[in-house]
C-alpha cells in the first residue's frame, strides 16, 4: 500500500472519529451555545479530513472507511459512556463492516482508473 493511500485511510478514519465526537459532544455538553459550537467544529473538521481522504482514495473507499469508523466509534462510545447494551448482532455487523473495509482497502479501484 502506498504512503499516500495510508494517509488517505488515516484521513478517512479521522473523519469518522470527528463525526462521532460531534454526536458525543451534542449529548455531553450542557450549555446550548457551546454544544452547537462543538458540533459545528467537529463537523467542519470531519469534512476537512474527508476531503483530504478523497485526494488519496477512491470515493467508495473513503466513504466506507469514514462510515465504518463513525459506526464503530459511536457504538462503542454509547456502550462505554452511556451504558447502552450492544447485542451480539451489533458485534456481528461490526465484524462484517470491518471485513468489508479490509476488502475495499485491498481492491484495485484506484489502479484501474489511473491506467485508462
Protein backbone atom coordinates (compact mmCIF):
# COMPACT_ATOMS: atom_id res chain seq x y z
CA UNK A 1 0.00 0.00 0.00
CA UNK A 2 1.46 3.35 -1.00
CA UNK A 3 2.22 6.00 1.57
CA UNK A 4 -0.41 8.33 0.11
CA UNK A 5 -3.04 5.58 0.36
CA UNK A 6 -2.15 5.02 4.02
CA UNK A 7 -2.54 8.75 4.60
CA UNK A 8 -5.89 8.58 2.83
CA UNK A 9 -7.11 5.89 5.21
CA UNK A 10 -5.78 7.90 8.16
CA UNK A 11 -7.77 10.91 6.96
CA UNK A 12 -10.90 8.79 6.48
CA UNK A 13 -10.61 7.30 9.98
CA UNK A 14 -10.08 10.80 11.41
CA UNK A 15 -13.22 11.95 9.60
CA UNK A 16 -15.23 9.12 11.14
CA UNK A 17 -13.91 9.85 14.62
CA UNK A 18 -14.74 13.55 14.28
CA UNK A 19 -18.29 12.68 13.24
CA UNK A 20 -18.63 10.50 16.33
CA UNK A 21 -17.18 13.27 18.52
CA UNK A 22 -19.81 15.64 17.15
CA UNK A 23 -22.57 13.30 18.29
CA UNK A 24 -20.94 12.70 21.66
CA UNK A 25 -20.46 16.41 22.31
CA UNK A 26 -24.12 17.02 21.45
CA UNK A 27 -25.09 14.65 24.26
CA UNK A 28 -22.49 15.58 26.88
CA UNK A 29 -22.14 19.34 26.76
CA UNK A 30 -24.85 21.19 28.68
CA UNK A 31 -24.61 24.88 27.67
CA UNK A 32 -26.54 25.20 24.42
CA UNK A 33 -24.18 27.65 22.67
CA UNK A 34 -21.07 25.60 23.48
CA UNK A 35 -22.87 22.40 22.41
CA UNK A 36 -23.72 23.83 18.99
CA UNK A 37 -20.24 25.26 18.63
CA UNK A 38 -18.64 21.89 19.34
CA UNK A 39 -20.95 20.08 16.93
CA UNK A 40 -20.12 22.59 14.20
CA UNK A 41 -16.39 22.42 14.98
CA UNK A 42 -16.28 18.61 14.83
CA UNK A 43 -18.35 18.53 11.64
CA UNK A 44 -16.07 21.07 9.94
CA UNK A 45 -13.06 19.01 10.99
CA UNK A 46 -14.80 15.87 9.74
CA UNK A 47 -15.41 17.39 6.31
CA UNK A 48 -11.83 18.62 6.10
CA UNK A 49 -10.50 15.16 6.92
CA UNK A 50 -12.94 13.54 4.49
CA UNK A 51 -11.91 15.85 1.63
CA UNK A 52 -8.25 15.06 2.32
CA UNK A 53 -9.03 11.33 2.26
CA UNK A 54 -10.61 11.75 -1.18
CA UNK A 55 -7.28 13.02 -2.50
CA UNK A 56 -5.66 9.61 -1.90
CA UNK A 57 -8.57 7.14 -2.06
CA UNK A 58 -11.50 6.42 -4.30
CA UNK A 59 -14.75 7.95 -3.14
CA UNK A 60 -16.05 4.46 -2.28
CA UNK A 61 -13.04 3.61 -0.11
CA UNK A 62 -13.08 6.98 1.66
CA UNK A 63 -16.84 6.92 2.29
CA UNK A 64 -16.99 3.35 3.57
CA UNK A 65 -13.97 3.83 5.83
CA UNK A 66 -15.44 7.05 7.21
CA UNK A 67 -18.82 5.39 7.81
CA UNK A 68 -17.31 2.30 9.42
CA UNK A 69 -15.18 4.34 11.81
CA UNK A 70 -18.15 6.53 12.73
CA UNK A 71 -20.39 3.50 13.27
CA UNK A 72 -17.89 1.59 15.39
CA UNK A 73 -16.75 4.54 17.49
CA UNK A 74 -20.34 5.75 18.06
CA UNK A 75 -21.43 2.28 19.13
CA UNK A 76 -18.50 1.85 21.48
CA UNK A 77 -19.00 5.36 22.89
CA UNK A 78 -22.63 4.50 23.56
CA UNK A 79 -21.56 1.36 25.37
CA UNK A 80 -18.81 2.93 27.48
CA UNK A 81 -20.19 6.43 28.07
CA UNK A 82 -23.96 5.87 28.14
CA UNK A 83 -24.15 2.21 29.25
CA UNK A 84 -26.13 1.24 26.14
CA UNK A 85 -26.28 -2.51 25.58
CA UNK A 86 -24.64 -3.95 22.46
CA UNK A 87 -26.20 -7.16 21.21
CA UNK A 88 -24.33 -9.99 19.52
CA UNK A 89 -25.98 -8.85 16.26
CA UNK A 90 -24.25 -5.48 16.64
CA UNK A 91 -20.87 -7.20 17.01
CA UNK A 92 -21.61 -9.46 14.02
CA UNK A 93 -22.50 -6.39 11.95
CA UNK A 94 -19.39 -4.57 13.15
CA UNK A 95 -17.24 -7.54 12.16
CA UNK A 96 -18.80 -7.61 8.69
CA UNK A 97 -18.16 -3.89 8.29
CA UNK A 98 -14.51 -4.29 9.28
CA UNK A 99 -14.10 -7.19 6.84
CA UNK A 100 -15.75 -5.11 4.11
CA UNK A 101 -13.41 -2.18 4.74
CA UNK A 102 -10.44 -4.56 4.64
CA UNK A 103 -11.60 -5.98 1.29
CA UNK A 104 -12.08 -2.47 -0.09
CA UNK A 105 -8.64 -1.43 1.12
CA UNK A 106 -7.13 -4.27 -0.89
CA UNK A 107 -9.16 -3.52 -4.03
CA UNK A 108 -7.53 -2.08 -7.10
CA UNK A 109 -10.21 0.51 -7.89
CA UNK A 110 -7.65 3.32 -7.97
CA UNK A 111 -5.15 1.47 -10.20
CA UNK A 112 -7.84 0.63 -12.74
CA UNK A 113 -8.94 4.24 -13.13
CA UNK A 114 -5.36 5.50 -13.42
CA UNK A 115 -4.50 3.06 -16.27
CA UNK A 116 -7.17 4.46 -18.62
